[in-house]
Amino acid sequence: MHIKAKAKINLALDVVGKRDDGYHELRMIMQEIELYDLLNIRRIRRPIIQLRSNQPWLPVDERNLVCRAVKTVMEKYSLPGGVQIYLHKVIPVGAGLAGGSSDCAAALKAMNKLFNLSLSSRELLEIGASLGSDVPFCLVGGTALAEGRGELLTKLPPHPSVYVLLAKPAFSVSTASVFKGFDMNMVSERPDIDGMIRALEEKNLKGITDRLYNALEQVTERKRPIISDIKEIMLKNGALGVLMTGSGPTVYGYFTDRKIASQTLNQLKKSFPKIRDIFLTRITGVDTFEGKNTENP
């Protein structure tokens, strides 16, 4: 079985409080994009979980959410035999794009079909939530309001089609460290999430771009000023709106003109030669990739 694992971006992210379980209470609008990893997975007779990848540095044991997802399902339903998985990794790690969570969600979907488990969406979501906060959204995809730790989802109207230019600086960010550095008292404004939902309902792209906001951006941006530099170049080159996604450090910009987006991609490469992960993709429509290391199988 071959299954795509698509990345996500945050259109809006608000931290509304601290939970008793130590996690932060979030309210976010999450959006699936057409940048993806690819999982090839098949059943085998031997009772093992074997994971390989095109990236030699990627963990292929239980540090990888794919292995944890497969093991969880195998044990929960006492499944015979094992599985072999090849993960073609394209989504950058530690980027705020939910690459690991999306791989995990893809593995859960694949296990459900490979072993004819006939698990309901609710059952898959419960398993996904036990593995990671972003996994439930990655199971659902599309456009959604996410609350709680991110596991409480409400589907939203589809986002209008637009080009998305992504640039991840040459470092990763620890989500835990960003939340540790977040101070509720330092938040000067809140994202207009209800207004964003109305803009989605009205297919109002300007209404969406006017409301792009991430409460975590100030924490990461303060430590890593290159985030501001990337945003500035995107805006100077015609981006309709820019934002850091998740806890960062990836920055994305919206473009309606493919040519302008491609020119901006080239400008980013010249301005930041150390950045390897620059992608041009879309919110919806055909899979479209440009830039270095972006070709999908």
Protein backbone atom coordinates (compact mmCIF):
# COMPACT_ATOMS: atom_id res chain seq x y z
CA MET A 1 0.00 0.00 0.00
CA HIS A 2 1.20 3.51 -0.85
CA ILE A 3 -0.18 6.38 1.21
CA LYS A 4 0.58 10.10 1.29
CA ALA A 5 1.26 11.90 4.56
CA LYS A 6 0.56 15.59 4.01
CA ALA A 7 1.98 18.52 5.97
CA LYS A 8 -0.05 21.18 7.75
CA ILE A 9 0.22 24.89 8.46
CA ASN A 10 -1.46 26.99 11.13
CA LEU A 11 -3.58 29.86 9.89
CA ALA A 12 -4.17 31.00 13.45
CA LEU A 13 -2.80 29.77 16.77
CA ASP A 14 -3.83 31.02 20.19
CA VAL A 15 -2.69 29.84 23.63
CA VAL A 16 -5.68 30.35 25.90
CA GLY A 17 -4.43 28.84 29.15
CA LYS A 18 -2.52 26.13 31.00
CA ARG A 19 -4.13 22.74 31.64
CA ASP A 20 -3.95 20.62 34.77
CA ASP A 21 -2.12 17.91 32.80
CA GLY A 22 0.77 20.30 32.06
CA TYR A 23 -0.21 20.94 28.45
CA HIS A 24 -1.37 24.32 27.17
CA GLU A 25 -4.97 24.91 26.11
CA LEU A 26 -4.95 25.86 22.44
CA ARG A 27 -7.34 27.24 19.87
CA MET A 28 -6.07 26.96 16.30
CA ILE A 29 -7.10 26.81 12.69
CA MET A 30 -5.09 24.12 10.92
CA GLN A 31 -4.79 23.60 7.19
CA GLU A 32 -3.54 20.64 5.16
CA ILE A 33 -1.17 21.44 2.29
CA GLU A 34 0.06 19.46 -0.72
CA LEU A 35 3.58 18.85 0.56
CA TYR A 36 3.83 15.20 1.55
CA ASP A 37 5.90 12.25 2.69
CA LEU A 38 5.12 8.85 1.17
CA LEU A 39 4.72 5.59 3.08
CA ASN A 40 5.04 2.24 1.33
CA ILE A 41 3.78 -0.42 3.72
CA ARG A 42 3.12 -4.15 3.38
CA ARG A 43 2.29 -7.12 5.57
CA ILE A 44 4.88 -9.82 6.24
CA ARG A 45 4.71 -13.14 8.10
CA ARG A 46 7.53 -12.43 10.54
CA PRO A 47 6.29 -10.71 13.73
CA ILE A 48 8.49 -7.64 13.33
CA ILE A 49 8.09 -3.97 12.49
CA GLN A 50 10.74 -2.98 9.97
CA LEU A 51 11.09 0.68 8.97
CA ARG A 52 13.50 2.06 6.37
CA SER A 53 13.81 5.59 5.00
CA ASN A 54 15.52 7.63 2.31
CA GLN A 55 16.95 9.76 5.14
CA PRO A 56 19.72 7.83 6.94
CA TRP A 57 19.55 10.06 10.03
CA LEU A 58 15.87 9.33 10.65
CA PRO A 59 15.16 7.05 13.65
CA VAL A 60 13.68 3.73 12.54
CA ASP A 61 12.72 2.43 15.99
CA GLU A 62 10.07 3.49 18.51
CA ARG A 63 11.45 7.02 18.56
CA ASN A 64 9.64 7.29 15.22
CA LEU A 65 5.87 7.80 15.48
CA VAL A 66 5.32 5.46 12.55
CA CYS A 67 6.74 2.53 14.52
CA ARG A 68 4.80 3.53 17.62
CA ALA A 69 1.57 3.75 15.64
CA VAL A 70 2.07 0.32 14.06
CA LYS A 71 3.05 -1.27 17.38
CA THR A 72 0.03 0.25 19.13
CA VAL A 73 -2.38 -1.18 16.57
CA MET A 74 -0.62 -4.57 16.43
CA GLU A 75 -0.84 -4.96 20.20
CA LYS A 76 -4.31 -3.49 20.66
CA TYR A 77 -5.88 -5.86 18.15
CA SER A 78 -3.51 -8.84 18.59
CA LEU A 79 -2.61 -8.85 14.90
CA PRO A 80 -0.60 -11.70 13.35
CA GLY A 81 2.70 -11.27 11.53
CA GLY A 82 4.36 -7.91 11.03
CA VAL A 83 4.89 -5.08 8.55
CA GLN A 84 7.63 -3.60 6.42
CA ILE A 85 7.55 0.16 5.84
CA TYR A 86 9.56 2.43 3.58
CA LEU A 87 9.20 6.11 4.44
CA HIS A 88 10.19 8.60 1.73
CA LYS A 89 10.74 11.69 3.84
CA VAL A 90 10.28 15.15 2.28
CA ILE A 91 8.62 17.22 5.02
CA PRO A 92 11.36 18.76 7.20
CA VAL A 93 11.65 17.54 10.79
CA GLY A 94 11.19 19.95 13.69
CA ALA A 95 9.65 22.48 11.35
CA GLY A 96 6.14 23.15 12.68
CA LEU A 97 4.64 21.26 9.72
CA ALA A 98 3.49 18.12 11.63
CA GLY A 99 5.56 15.82 9.43
CA GLY A 100 5.97 13.16 12.11
CA SER A 101 2.32 13.37 13.12
CA SER A 102 1.23 13.08 9.50
CA ASP A 103 3.42 10.00 9.00
CA CYS A 104 1.84 8.54 12.14
CA ALA A 105 -1.69 9.24 10.87
CA ALA A 106 -0.85 7.68 7.50
CA ALA A 107 0.46 4.56 9.26
CA LEU A 108 -2.77 4.26 11.27
CA LYS A 109 -4.89 4.54 8.11
CA ALA A 110 -2.69 1.98 6.35
CA MET A 111 -2.91 -0.51 9.24
CA ASN A 112 -6.68 -0.18 9.28
CA LYS A 113 -6.88 -1.14 5.60
CA LEU A 114 -4.05 -3.69 5.47
CA PHE A 115 -5.53 -5.77 8.29
CA ASN A 116 -9.19 -5.13 7.40
CA LEU A 117 -9.89 -3.77 10.88
CA SER A 118 -12.84 -1.60 9.79
CA LEU A 119 -12.05 0.91 12.53
CA SER A 120 -14.35 3.92 12.66
CA SER A 121 -13.08 7.49 12.41
CA ARG A 122 -13.74 7.88 16.13
CA GLU A 123 -11.63 4.83 16.97
CA LEU A 124 -8.76 6.03 14.77
CA LEU A 125 -8.94 9.50 16.32
CA GLU A 126 -8.77 8.03 19.85
CA ILE A 127 -5.65 6.05 18.96
CA GLY A 128 -4.15 9.06 17.20
CA ALA A 129 -4.74 11.36 20.19
CA SER A 130 -2.84 8.91 22.41
CA LEU A 131 0.19 9.18 20.13
CA GLY A 132 0.40 12.95 19.55
CA SER A 133 -1.58 16.19 19.71
CA ASP A 134 -1.41 16.86 15.95
CA VAL A 135 -2.18 13.29 14.88
CA PRO A 136 -6.00 13.66 15.02
CA PHE A 137 -5.90 16.62 12.62
CA CYS A 138 -3.58 14.73 10.29
CA LEU A 139 -6.14 11.91 10.24
CA VAL A 140 -8.93 14.34 9.31
CA GLY A 141 -7.01 16.75 7.05
CA GLY A 142 -8.60 19.61 5.14
CA THR A 143 -9.35 22.72 7.18
CA ALA A 144 -10.30 22.48 10.85
CA LEU A 145 -10.65 24.32 14.14
CA ALA A 146 -8.52 22.50 16.73
CA GLU A 147 -9.01 23.00 20.46
CA GLY A 148 -7.80 21.43 23.71
CA ARG A 149 -4.29 20.08 23.07
CA GLY A 150 -5.25 20.08 19.38
CA GLU A 151 -7.26 16.86 19.49
CA LEU A 152 -10.75 18.43 19.60
CA LEU A 153 -11.62 19.09 15.98
CA THR A 154 -14.38 20.91 14.12
CA LYS A 155 -14.31 20.69 10.33
CA LEU A 156 -14.39 24.04 8.54
CA PRO A 157 -15.24 25.04 4.95
CA PRO A 158 -12.44 24.36 2.44
CA HIS A 159 -9.78 27.03 2.07
CA PRO A 160 -9.70 28.84 -1.31
CA SER A 161 -6.90 27.68 -3.59
CA VAL A 162 -3.62 29.56 -3.23
CA TYR A 163 0.11 28.98 -3.65
CA VAL A 164 2.08 28.50 -0.43
CA LEU A 165 5.80 29.26 -0.28
CA LEU A 166 7.55 27.58 2.67
CA ALA A 167 11.01 28.30 4.02
CA LYS A 168 12.51 26.44 6.97
CA PRO A 169 15.73 27.91 8.41
CA ALA A 170 18.66 25.55 8.85
CA PHE A 171 17.75 24.60 12.41
CA SER A 172 14.89 22.90 14.22
CA VAL A 173 12.83 24.09 17.15
CA SER A 174 11.76 22.19 20.25
CA THR A 175 8.02 22.64 20.75
CA ALA A 176 8.45 22.09 24.50
CA SER A 177 11.07 24.86 24.76
CA VAL A 178 8.85 27.31 22.86
CA PHE A 179 5.90 26.67 25.15
CA LYS A 180 8.23 26.96 28.16
CA GLY A 181 9.28 30.40 26.94
CA PHE A 182 5.72 31.52 26.27
CA ASP A 183 4.37 34.13 28.71
CA MET A 184 0.63 34.80 28.64
CA ASN A 185 1.26 38.27 30.10
CA MET A 186 3.36 39.25 27.09
CA VAL A 187 0.62 38.57 24.53
CA SER A 188 -0.46 41.97 23.25
CA GLU A 189 -3.12 40.71 20.83
CA ARG A 190 -5.12 37.60 20.04
CA PRO A 191 -5.90 36.01 16.68
CA ASP A 192 -9.35 36.73 15.33
CA ILE A 193 -10.26 33.08 14.94
CA ASP A 194 -13.99 33.65 14.65
CA GLY A 195 -13.33 36.23 11.94
CA MET A 196 -11.05 33.74 10.18
CA ILE A 197 -13.84 31.16 10.22
CA ARG A 198 -16.22 33.69 8.64
CA ALA A 199 -13.63 34.49 5.97
CA LEU A 200 -13.31 30.76 5.19
CA GLU A 201 -17.09 30.48 4.93
CA GLU A 202 -17.14 33.43 2.52
CA LYS A 203 -14.09 32.19 0.51
CA ASN A 204 -12.55 35.58 1.28
CA LEU A 205 -8.79 35.16 0.78
CA LYS A 206 -7.99 38.71 1.91
CA GLY A 207 -10.08 38.15 5.01
CA ILE A 208 -7.96 35.07 5.72
CA THR A 209 -4.58 36.70 5.07
CA ASP A 210 -5.53 39.75 7.17
CA ARG A 211 -6.10 37.43 10.14
CA LEU A 212 -3.00 35.20 9.96
CA TYR A 213 -1.62 35.19 13.50
CA ASN A 214 0.46 32.89 15.69
CA ALA A 215 0.81 33.63 19.41
CA LEU A 216 3.98 31.50 19.56
CA GLU A 217 5.72 33.46 16.83
CA GLN A 218 7.06 36.08 19.22
CA VAL A 219 8.87 33.43 21.31
CA THR A 220 10.69 31.80 18.40
CA GLU A 221 11.22 35.05 16.52
CA ARG A 222 12.87 36.64 19.55
CA LYS A 223 15.48 33.88 19.65
CA ARG A 224 15.81 33.48 15.88
CA PRO A 225 15.55 36.85 14.05
CA ILE A 226 16.01 35.11 10.67
CA ILE A 227 12.27 34.38 10.88
CA SER A 228 11.56 38.12 10.58
CA ASP A 229 14.06 38.38 7.73
CA ILE A 230 12.32 35.62 5.75
CA LYS A 231 8.92 37.21 6.31
CA GLU A 232 10.23 40.59 5.14
CA ILE A 233 11.57 39.19 1.86
CA MET A 234 8.31 37.36 1.16
CA LEU A 235 6.27 40.51 1.78
CA LYS A 236 8.58 42.70 -0.31
CA ASN A 237 8.20 40.24 -3.17
CA GLY A 238 4.42 40.30 -3.14
CA ALA A 239 3.19 37.79 -0.55
CA LEU A 240 -0.42 38.44 0.42
CA GLY A 241 0.33 37.38 3.98
CA VAL A 242 3.09 35.62 5.93
CA LEU A 243 3.25 33.64 9.16
CA MET A 244 5.37 31.20 11.13
CA THR A 245 3.59 27.86 11.46
CA GLY A 246 3.28 25.96 14.74
CA SER A 247 6.19 26.48 17.12
CA GLY A 248 8.36 27.17 14.07
CA PRO A 249 10.71 27.81 12.59
CA THR A 250 9.09 27.39 9.14
CA VAL A 251 7.65 30.56 7.62
CA TYR A 252 5.07 30.50 4.86
CA GLY A 253 3.73 33.11 2.47
CA TYR A 254 0.57 33.18 0.34
CA PHE A 255 0.71 33.96 -3.38
CA THR A 256 -1.96 33.93 -6.08
CA ASP A 257 0.58 34.32 -8.91
CA ARG A 258 2.79 31.28 -9.50
CA LYS A 259 5.45 33.30 -11.33
CA ILE A 260 5.82 35.76 -8.45
CA ALA A 261 5.95 32.89 -5.97
CA SER A 262 8.71 31.20 -8.00
CA GLN A 263 10.68 34.43 -8.20
CA THR A 264 10.39 34.83 -4.44
CA LEU A 265 11.59 31.26 -3.97
CA ASN A 266 14.72 32.08 -5.99
CA GLN A 267 15.23 35.30 -4.01
CA LEU A 268 15.08 33.36 -0.75
CA LYS A 269 17.70 30.90 -2.03
CA LYS A 270 20.05 33.76 -2.92
CA SER A 271 19.46 35.61 0.34
CA PHE A 272 19.76 32.53 2.58
CA PRO A 273 22.15 30.06 0.89
CA LYS A 274 22.26 27.86 4.02
CA ILE A 275 18.54 27.14 3.86
CA ARG A 276 17.96 23.81 2.13
CA ASP A 277 14.25 23.42 2.77
CA ILE A 278 12.34 25.83 0.53
CA PHE A 279 9.15 24.58 -1.10
CA LEU A 280 6.44 25.93 -3.35
CA THR A 281 3.20 24.04 -2.94
CA ARG A 282 -0.53 24.68 -2.71
CA ILE A 283 -3.40 24.62 -0.27
CA THR A 284 -5.54 22.62 -2.67
CA GLY A 285 -5.37 21.20 -6.18
CA VAL A 286 -2.63 19.27 -7.95
CA ASP A 287 0.60 18.41 -6.18
CA THR A 288 3.00 21.20 -7.18
CA PHE A 289 6.57 21.36 -5.90
CA GLU A 290 9.53 23.54 -6.73
CA GLY A 291 12.87 24.19 -5.08
CA LYS A 292 15.67 22.02 -3.81
CA ASN A 293 14.98 18.58 -2.34
CA THR A 294 11.24 18.81 -2.99
CA GLU A 295 10.64 16.08 -5.54
CA ASN A 296 8.17 13.47 -4.39
CA PRO A 297 8.25 9.90 -5.73
